N, C-alpha and C. Protein backbone atom coordinates (compact mmCIF):
# COMPACT_ATOMS: atom_id res chain seq x y z
N MET A 1 -32.59 28.24 5.25
CA MET A 1 -32.20 28.16 3.85
C MET A 1 -32.58 26.79 3.30
N ASN A 2 -33.32 26.75 2.25
CA ASN A 2 -33.77 25.51 1.65
C ASN A 2 -32.96 25.25 0.38
N THR A 3 -32.03 24.29 0.46
CA THR A 3 -31.20 23.99 -0.70
C THR A 3 -31.86 23.02 -1.67
N ALA A 4 -32.88 22.30 -1.21
CA ALA A 4 -33.53 21.33 -2.09
C ALA A 4 -34.14 22.03 -3.30
N GLY A 5 -34.66 23.23 -3.11
CA GLY A 5 -35.24 23.97 -4.22
C GLY A 5 -34.21 24.42 -5.23
N THR A 6 -32.97 24.63 -4.77
CA THR A 6 -31.94 25.05 -5.71
C THR A 6 -31.34 23.86 -6.44
N ILE A 7 -31.33 22.71 -5.80
CA ILE A 7 -30.79 21.52 -6.44
C ILE A 7 -31.83 20.91 -7.39
N CYS A 8 -33.06 20.86 -6.95
CA CYS A 8 -34.16 20.30 -7.73
C CYS A 8 -35.28 21.34 -7.80
N PRO A 9 -35.13 22.33 -8.64
CA PRO A 9 -36.11 23.42 -8.62
C PRO A 9 -37.56 22.97 -8.84
N LYS A 10 -37.76 21.93 -9.62
CA LYS A 10 -39.12 21.46 -9.88
C LYS A 10 -39.44 20.18 -9.10
N GLY A 11 -38.56 19.81 -8.18
CA GLY A 11 -38.80 18.61 -7.38
C GLY A 11 -38.70 17.32 -8.18
N ASN A 12 -37.92 17.32 -9.25
CA ASN A 12 -37.83 16.14 -10.12
C ASN A 12 -36.45 15.50 -10.05
N CYS A 13 -35.99 15.25 -8.88
CA CYS A 13 -34.63 14.73 -8.70
C CYS A 13 -34.55 13.21 -8.72
N GLY A 14 -35.48 12.53 -9.25
CA GLY A 14 -35.38 11.09 -9.41
C GLY A 14 -35.77 10.32 -8.17
N VAL A 15 -34.86 10.21 -7.22
CA VAL A 15 -35.12 9.42 -6.03
C VAL A 15 -36.28 10.00 -5.25
N THR A 16 -36.36 11.33 -5.19
CA THR A 16 -37.42 11.95 -4.40
C THR A 16 -38.79 11.74 -5.01
N ASN A 17 -38.87 11.66 -6.33
CA ASN A 17 -40.19 11.49 -6.93
C ASN A 17 -40.42 10.06 -7.45
N GLY A 18 -39.49 9.16 -7.19
CA GLY A 18 -39.68 7.75 -7.53
C GLY A 18 -39.33 7.37 -8.95
N SER A 19 -38.76 8.27 -9.74
CA SER A 19 -38.45 7.91 -11.12
C SER A 19 -37.10 7.21 -11.26
N ALA A 20 -36.28 7.25 -10.24
CA ALA A 20 -34.98 6.57 -10.29
C ALA A 20 -35.17 5.11 -9.90
N GLN A 21 -34.43 4.25 -10.55
CA GLN A 21 -34.50 2.82 -10.26
C GLN A 21 -33.30 2.42 -9.41
N MET A 22 -33.54 1.58 -8.44
CA MET A 22 -32.44 1.01 -7.67
C MET A 22 -31.73 0.00 -8.57
N PRO A 23 -30.40 -0.14 -8.43
CA PRO A 23 -29.69 -1.11 -9.27
C PRO A 23 -30.14 -2.53 -8.95
N THR A 24 -30.11 -3.37 -9.97
CA THR A 24 -30.48 -4.76 -9.77
C THR A 24 -29.32 -5.50 -9.10
N GLN A 25 -29.60 -6.68 -8.63
CA GLN A 25 -28.57 -7.51 -8.00
C GLN A 25 -27.46 -7.83 -9.00
N GLN A 26 -27.84 -8.08 -10.25
CA GLN A 26 -26.83 -8.38 -11.28
C GLN A 26 -25.97 -7.15 -11.56
N GLN A 27 -26.56 -5.96 -11.59
CA GLN A 27 -25.78 -4.74 -11.80
C GLN A 27 -24.78 -4.53 -10.67
N LEU A 28 -25.21 -4.80 -9.44
CA LEU A 28 -24.29 -4.69 -8.30
C LEU A 28 -23.17 -5.72 -8.40
N ALA A 29 -23.51 -6.93 -8.82
CA ALA A 29 -22.49 -7.97 -9.01
C ALA A 29 -21.50 -7.56 -10.08
N ASP A 30 -22.00 -7.01 -11.18
CA ASP A 30 -21.11 -6.56 -12.26
C ASP A 30 -20.20 -5.44 -11.79
N ALA A 31 -20.74 -4.52 -11.00
CA ALA A 31 -19.93 -3.41 -10.47
C ALA A 31 -18.85 -3.94 -9.52
N ALA A 32 -19.20 -4.93 -8.71
CA ALA A 32 -18.21 -5.53 -7.80
C ALA A 32 -17.12 -6.24 -8.60
N GLY A 33 -17.50 -6.91 -9.69
CA GLY A 33 -16.51 -7.58 -10.54
C GLY A 33 -15.57 -6.59 -11.20
N THR A 34 -16.12 -5.47 -11.67
CA THR A 34 -15.28 -4.44 -12.28
C THR A 34 -14.33 -3.84 -11.25
N ALA A 35 -14.84 -3.57 -10.06
CA ALA A 35 -13.99 -3.03 -8.99
C ALA A 35 -12.88 -4.02 -8.65
N SER A 36 -13.21 -5.30 -8.58
CA SER A 36 -12.22 -6.32 -8.28
C SER A 36 -11.12 -6.34 -9.33
N ALA A 37 -11.50 -6.29 -10.60
CA ALA A 37 -10.52 -6.33 -11.69
C ALA A 37 -9.60 -5.11 -11.64
N GLN A 38 -10.18 -3.93 -11.45
CA GLN A 38 -9.37 -2.71 -11.45
C GLN A 38 -8.47 -2.64 -10.22
N LEU A 39 -8.96 -3.10 -9.08
CA LEU A 39 -8.12 -3.14 -7.88
C LEU A 39 -6.98 -4.13 -8.05
N GLY A 40 -7.21 -5.21 -8.78
CA GLY A 40 -6.14 -6.16 -9.06
C GLY A 40 -5.03 -5.54 -9.88
N VAL A 41 -5.39 -4.73 -10.87
CA VAL A 41 -4.38 -4.03 -11.67
C VAL A 41 -3.63 -3.02 -10.81
N ALA A 42 -4.37 -2.30 -9.96
CA ALA A 42 -3.72 -1.33 -9.06
C ALA A 42 -2.75 -2.04 -8.12
N SER A 43 -3.14 -3.20 -7.63
CA SER A 43 -2.27 -3.97 -6.74
C SER A 43 -1.00 -4.41 -7.46
N ALA A 44 -1.15 -4.89 -8.68
CA ALA A 44 0.01 -5.32 -9.46
C ALA A 44 0.94 -4.15 -9.78
N THR A 45 0.36 -3.00 -10.07
CA THR A 45 1.16 -1.81 -10.35
C THR A 45 1.95 -1.38 -9.11
N ALA A 46 1.29 -1.39 -7.97
CA ALA A 46 1.98 -1.03 -6.73
C ALA A 46 3.08 -2.05 -6.40
N ALA A 47 2.83 -3.32 -6.68
CA ALA A 47 3.85 -4.35 -6.45
C ALA A 47 5.05 -4.12 -7.37
N ALA A 48 4.79 -3.72 -8.61
CA ALA A 48 5.89 -3.43 -9.55
C ALA A 48 6.71 -2.25 -9.04
N ILE A 49 6.05 -1.23 -8.55
CA ILE A 49 6.75 -0.07 -8.00
C ILE A 49 7.57 -0.49 -6.78
N ALA A 50 6.99 -1.30 -5.91
CA ALA A 50 7.71 -1.76 -4.72
C ALA A 50 8.94 -2.57 -5.12
N SER A 51 8.80 -3.41 -6.12
CA SER A 51 9.92 -4.23 -6.58
C SER A 51 11.02 -3.37 -7.20
N TYR A 52 10.61 -2.43 -8.03
CA TYR A 52 11.58 -1.58 -8.73
C TYR A 52 12.33 -0.66 -7.76
N THR A 53 11.66 -0.25 -6.70
CA THR A 53 12.27 0.69 -5.74
C THR A 53 12.68 0.01 -4.44
N ALA A 54 13.02 -1.27 -4.53
CA ALA A 54 13.36 -2.03 -3.31
C ALA A 54 14.50 -1.40 -2.53
N ASP A 55 15.41 -0.69 -3.20
CA ASP A 55 16.53 -0.06 -2.51
C ASP A 55 16.14 1.27 -1.86
N LYS A 56 14.90 1.69 -2.05
CA LYS A 56 14.38 2.93 -1.45
C LYS A 56 13.18 2.59 -0.57
N PRO A 57 13.41 2.22 0.67
CA PRO A 57 12.32 1.74 1.52
C PRO A 57 11.22 2.78 1.76
N TYR A 58 11.53 4.05 1.62
CA TYR A 58 10.51 5.08 1.82
C TYR A 58 9.50 5.09 0.66
N ILE A 59 9.86 4.44 -0.45
CA ILE A 59 8.93 4.27 -1.57
C ILE A 59 8.38 2.85 -1.58
N SER A 60 9.29 1.88 -1.48
CA SER A 60 8.87 0.49 -1.62
C SER A 60 7.95 0.03 -0.48
N GLY A 61 8.18 0.52 0.72
CA GLY A 61 7.34 0.13 1.86
C GLY A 61 5.88 0.52 1.67
N PRO A 62 5.62 1.81 1.44
CA PRO A 62 4.21 2.19 1.20
C PRO A 62 3.62 1.53 -0.05
N ALA A 63 4.43 1.35 -1.08
CA ALA A 63 3.92 0.71 -2.30
C ALA A 63 3.52 -0.74 -2.02
N ALA A 64 4.35 -1.44 -1.25
CA ALA A 64 4.03 -2.83 -0.90
C ALA A 64 2.76 -2.90 -0.04
N THR A 65 2.62 -1.96 0.88
CA THR A 65 1.43 -1.91 1.73
C THR A 65 0.19 -1.64 0.88
N PHE A 66 0.31 -0.69 -0.04
CA PHE A 66 -0.81 -0.38 -0.93
C PHE A 66 -1.15 -1.58 -1.81
N SER A 67 -0.13 -2.28 -2.27
CA SER A 67 -0.35 -3.47 -3.09
C SER A 67 -1.13 -4.52 -2.31
N PHE A 68 -0.73 -4.74 -1.07
CA PHE A 68 -1.42 -5.72 -0.23
C PHE A 68 -2.87 -5.31 0.01
N ALA A 69 -3.08 -4.04 0.35
CA ALA A 69 -4.43 -3.55 0.66
C ALA A 69 -5.34 -3.63 -0.55
N THR A 70 -4.84 -3.22 -1.71
CA THR A 70 -5.69 -3.28 -2.91
C THR A 70 -5.91 -4.72 -3.36
N GLY A 71 -4.93 -5.58 -3.13
CA GLY A 71 -5.12 -7.00 -3.44
C GLY A 71 -6.19 -7.62 -2.56
N ALA A 72 -6.17 -7.26 -1.26
CA ALA A 72 -7.20 -7.76 -0.35
C ALA A 72 -8.58 -7.22 -0.73
N ALA A 73 -8.64 -5.95 -1.10
CA ALA A 73 -9.92 -5.35 -1.52
C ALA A 73 -10.41 -6.01 -2.81
N SER A 74 -9.50 -6.30 -3.72
CA SER A 74 -9.87 -6.99 -4.96
C SER A 74 -10.48 -8.35 -4.65
N PHE A 75 -9.86 -9.08 -3.74
CA PHE A 75 -10.36 -10.38 -3.33
C PHE A 75 -11.75 -10.25 -2.71
N ALA A 76 -11.93 -9.23 -1.86
CA ALA A 76 -13.23 -9.03 -1.20
C ALA A 76 -14.32 -8.70 -2.22
N PHE A 77 -14.01 -7.84 -3.18
CA PHE A 77 -15.00 -7.50 -4.20
C PHE A 77 -15.32 -8.71 -5.09
N GLY A 78 -14.33 -9.55 -5.35
CA GLY A 78 -14.58 -10.79 -6.09
C GLY A 78 -15.54 -11.69 -5.33
N GLY A 79 -15.34 -11.78 -4.02
CA GLY A 79 -16.25 -12.57 -3.18
C GLY A 79 -17.66 -11.98 -3.16
N LEU A 80 -17.74 -10.65 -3.10
CA LEU A 80 -19.05 -9.99 -3.14
C LEU A 80 -19.75 -10.27 -4.46
N GLN A 81 -18.99 -10.24 -5.55
CA GLN A 81 -19.57 -10.53 -6.86
C GLN A 81 -20.17 -11.93 -6.86
N GLN A 82 -19.45 -12.90 -6.34
CA GLN A 82 -19.94 -14.27 -6.31
C GLN A 82 -21.13 -14.43 -5.36
N ALA A 83 -21.13 -13.67 -4.27
CA ALA A 83 -22.26 -13.74 -3.34
C ALA A 83 -23.53 -13.17 -3.97
N LEU A 84 -23.38 -12.11 -4.76
CA LEU A 84 -24.53 -11.48 -5.39
C LEU A 84 -25.05 -12.26 -6.59
N ALA A 85 -24.14 -12.84 -7.35
CA ALA A 85 -24.53 -13.59 -8.55
C ALA A 85 -23.60 -14.80 -8.69
N PRO A 86 -23.88 -15.89 -7.97
CA PRO A 86 -23.00 -17.06 -8.01
C PRO A 86 -22.82 -17.59 -9.43
N ASN A 87 -21.57 -17.86 -9.76
CA ASN A 87 -21.22 -18.38 -11.08
C ASN A 87 -19.99 -19.25 -10.89
N ILE A 88 -20.21 -20.53 -10.65
CA ILE A 88 -19.12 -21.45 -10.33
C ILE A 88 -18.12 -21.55 -11.49
N GLY A 89 -18.61 -21.58 -12.71
CA GLY A 89 -17.72 -21.65 -13.87
C GLY A 89 -16.80 -20.44 -13.93
N GLN A 90 -17.36 -19.27 -13.70
CA GLN A 90 -16.55 -18.05 -13.70
C GLN A 90 -15.53 -18.09 -12.56
N TYR A 91 -15.97 -18.49 -11.38
CA TYR A 91 -15.08 -18.53 -10.23
C TYR A 91 -13.92 -19.50 -10.46
N LEU A 92 -14.22 -20.69 -10.94
CA LEU A 92 -13.16 -21.68 -11.16
C LEU A 92 -12.20 -21.25 -12.27
N THR A 93 -12.75 -20.66 -13.32
CA THR A 93 -11.91 -20.26 -14.45
C THR A 93 -11.12 -18.99 -14.15
N GLU A 94 -11.86 -17.92 -13.85
CA GLU A 94 -11.21 -16.62 -13.67
C GLU A 94 -10.53 -16.50 -12.32
N GLY A 95 -11.21 -16.93 -11.28
CA GLY A 95 -10.66 -16.77 -9.94
C GLY A 95 -9.56 -17.76 -9.61
N THR A 96 -9.65 -18.95 -10.16
CA THR A 96 -8.67 -19.97 -9.81
C THR A 96 -7.62 -20.16 -10.89
N LEU A 97 -8.02 -20.61 -12.06
CA LEU A 97 -7.03 -20.91 -13.11
C LEU A 97 -6.28 -19.66 -13.58
N ILE A 98 -7.03 -18.68 -14.06
CA ILE A 98 -6.39 -17.45 -14.58
C ILE A 98 -5.77 -16.66 -13.43
N GLY A 99 -6.48 -16.59 -12.31
CA GLY A 99 -5.98 -15.84 -11.16
C GLY A 99 -4.67 -16.39 -10.62
N LEU A 100 -4.61 -17.69 -10.44
CA LEU A 100 -3.37 -18.29 -9.92
C LEU A 100 -2.22 -18.19 -10.91
N ALA A 101 -2.51 -18.40 -12.18
CA ALA A 101 -1.46 -18.26 -13.20
C ALA A 101 -0.93 -16.83 -13.21
N GLY A 102 -1.83 -15.87 -13.14
CA GLY A 102 -1.42 -14.46 -13.10
C GLY A 102 -0.63 -14.12 -11.85
N TYR A 103 -1.05 -14.70 -10.72
CA TYR A 103 -0.34 -14.45 -9.46
C TYR A 103 1.10 -14.96 -9.55
N TYR A 104 1.26 -16.20 -10.00
CA TYR A 104 2.61 -16.76 -10.06
C TYR A 104 3.47 -16.07 -11.10
N ALA A 105 2.89 -15.71 -12.24
CA ALA A 105 3.65 -14.98 -13.26
C ALA A 105 4.03 -13.59 -12.77
N GLY A 106 3.10 -12.91 -12.12
CA GLY A 106 3.39 -11.58 -11.58
C GLY A 106 4.40 -11.61 -10.45
N ASP A 107 4.35 -12.67 -9.65
CA ASP A 107 5.32 -12.82 -8.57
C ASP A 107 6.72 -13.08 -9.13
N ARG A 108 6.78 -13.83 -10.21
CA ARG A 108 8.07 -14.15 -10.84
C ARG A 108 8.63 -12.95 -11.60
N TYR A 109 7.76 -12.19 -12.26
CA TYR A 109 8.16 -11.03 -13.06
C TYR A 109 7.37 -9.79 -12.62
N PRO A 110 7.69 -9.24 -11.45
CA PRO A 110 6.87 -8.15 -10.89
C PRO A 110 6.84 -6.89 -11.74
N LEU A 111 7.88 -6.62 -12.50
CA LEU A 111 7.87 -5.38 -13.27
C LEU A 111 6.86 -5.40 -14.42
N ILE A 112 6.50 -6.58 -14.88
CA ILE A 112 5.44 -6.65 -15.90
C ILE A 112 4.13 -7.15 -15.29
N GLY A 113 4.07 -7.14 -13.97
CA GLY A 113 2.85 -7.55 -13.26
C GLY A 113 1.59 -6.83 -13.71
N PRO A 114 1.64 -5.50 -13.90
CA PRO A 114 0.42 -4.82 -14.36
C PRO A 114 -0.07 -5.33 -15.72
N ALA A 115 0.84 -5.62 -16.63
CA ALA A 115 0.44 -6.15 -17.94
C ALA A 115 -0.14 -7.56 -17.79
N ILE A 116 0.46 -8.34 -16.90
CA ILE A 116 -0.05 -9.69 -16.65
C ILE A 116 -1.45 -9.62 -16.06
N ALA A 117 -1.65 -8.70 -15.10
CA ALA A 117 -2.97 -8.55 -14.49
C ALA A 117 -4.01 -8.11 -15.51
N GLN A 118 -3.63 -7.18 -16.38
CA GLN A 118 -4.58 -6.71 -17.39
C GLN A 118 -4.89 -7.81 -18.40
N ALA A 119 -3.90 -8.60 -18.75
CA ALA A 119 -4.14 -9.74 -19.65
C ALA A 119 -5.11 -10.73 -18.99
N GLY A 120 -4.92 -10.94 -17.69
CA GLY A 120 -5.83 -11.82 -16.95
C GLY A 120 -7.25 -11.27 -16.92
N ASN A 121 -7.39 -9.95 -16.93
CA ASN A 121 -8.72 -9.34 -16.97
C ASN A 121 -9.35 -9.46 -18.35
N MET A 122 -8.52 -9.53 -19.39
CA MET A 122 -9.04 -9.58 -20.75
C MET A 122 -9.37 -11.01 -21.19
N LEU A 123 -8.70 -12.00 -20.65
CA LEU A 123 -8.93 -13.39 -21.05
C LEU A 123 -10.38 -13.84 -20.93
N PRO A 124 -11.09 -13.48 -19.85
CA PRO A 124 -12.48 -13.93 -19.73
C PRO A 124 -13.40 -13.43 -20.84
N ASP A 125 -12.98 -12.41 -21.57
CA ASP A 125 -13.79 -11.90 -22.68
C ASP A 125 -13.67 -12.76 -23.93
N SER A 126 -12.74 -13.71 -23.93
CA SER A 126 -12.57 -14.55 -25.12
C SER A 126 -13.67 -15.60 -25.20
N LYS A 127 -13.99 -16.01 -26.40
CA LYS A 127 -15.02 -17.01 -26.63
C LYS A 127 -14.64 -18.35 -25.99
N THR A 128 -13.37 -18.70 -26.07
CA THR A 128 -12.91 -19.98 -25.52
C THR A 128 -13.15 -20.05 -24.01
N VAL A 129 -12.75 -18.99 -23.30
CA VAL A 129 -12.94 -18.98 -21.84
C VAL A 129 -14.43 -18.95 -21.51
N GLY A 130 -15.19 -18.15 -22.24
CA GLY A 130 -16.64 -18.10 -22.01
C GLY A 130 -17.30 -19.45 -22.22
N ASP A 131 -16.91 -20.15 -23.27
CA ASP A 131 -17.45 -21.49 -23.53
C ASP A 131 -17.06 -22.47 -22.43
N PHE A 132 -15.82 -22.36 -21.95
CA PHE A 132 -15.35 -23.23 -20.87
C PHE A 132 -16.17 -22.99 -19.60
N GLU A 133 -16.41 -21.72 -19.28
CA GLU A 133 -17.21 -21.38 -18.10
C GLU A 133 -18.63 -21.93 -18.23
N LYS A 134 -19.23 -21.77 -19.41
CA LYS A 134 -20.58 -22.29 -19.64
C LYS A 134 -20.62 -23.80 -19.50
N SER A 135 -19.57 -24.47 -19.98
CA SER A 135 -19.48 -25.92 -19.86
C SER A 135 -19.45 -26.36 -18.40
N ILE A 136 -18.65 -25.67 -17.60
CA ILE A 136 -18.58 -26.00 -16.17
C ILE A 136 -19.94 -25.76 -15.52
N ASN A 137 -20.54 -24.61 -15.81
CA ASN A 137 -21.85 -24.31 -15.22
C ASN A 137 -22.90 -25.33 -15.62
N SER A 138 -22.86 -25.78 -16.86
CA SER A 138 -23.81 -26.78 -17.34
C SER A 138 -23.64 -28.09 -16.58
N LYS A 139 -22.39 -28.52 -16.40
CA LYS A 139 -22.14 -29.76 -15.67
C LYS A 139 -22.56 -29.65 -14.21
N ILE A 140 -22.27 -28.51 -13.58
CA ILE A 140 -22.65 -28.29 -12.19
C ILE A 140 -24.18 -28.30 -12.07
N ASN A 141 -24.85 -27.60 -12.98
CA ASN A 141 -26.32 -27.55 -12.94
C ASN A 141 -26.94 -28.93 -13.13
N SER A 142 -26.34 -29.74 -14.01
CA SER A 142 -26.89 -31.09 -14.23
C SER A 142 -26.71 -31.95 -12.97
N LEU A 143 -25.62 -31.76 -12.24
CA LEU A 143 -25.41 -32.51 -11.00
C LEU A 143 -26.37 -32.04 -9.90
N VAL A 144 -26.58 -30.74 -9.82
CA VAL A 144 -27.43 -30.19 -8.77
C VAL A 144 -28.91 -30.52 -9.01
N ASN A 145 -29.30 -30.54 -10.27
CA ASN A 145 -30.72 -30.75 -10.60
C ASN A 145 -31.10 -32.23 -10.74
N LYS A 146 -30.23 -33.15 -10.37
CA LYS A 146 -30.56 -34.58 -10.45
C LYS A 146 -31.45 -34.98 -9.32
């Protein structure tokens, strides 16, 4: 039984005939960044559930485990993003300043942790944060290129 003919009756399935493009390194970096951001929100949501259901260990235990696992995955995807497309300004701003502030705020107020995480994901889209990142990158580049 030949299923290729039923899936691609004319043999025009992209990858097989070379018309599909492999993603660029920047596209992969962007995808890793998106995955990192969304996993961070999932981690914060699971932490909020664990906090709210602390008196029910059959709920809070798995929720806390899921929060830890998704937080670790978020961290790994953030690292992959930086490995694929290094951006020191972004890392220092989003990963350190905004990330740490969000971590401490979410730890202090776990029930609103998902909102804090989402706000942290939205801050980098502001002109002020973007300008700050560009400023850091400019200074780093001037030091490196001396």
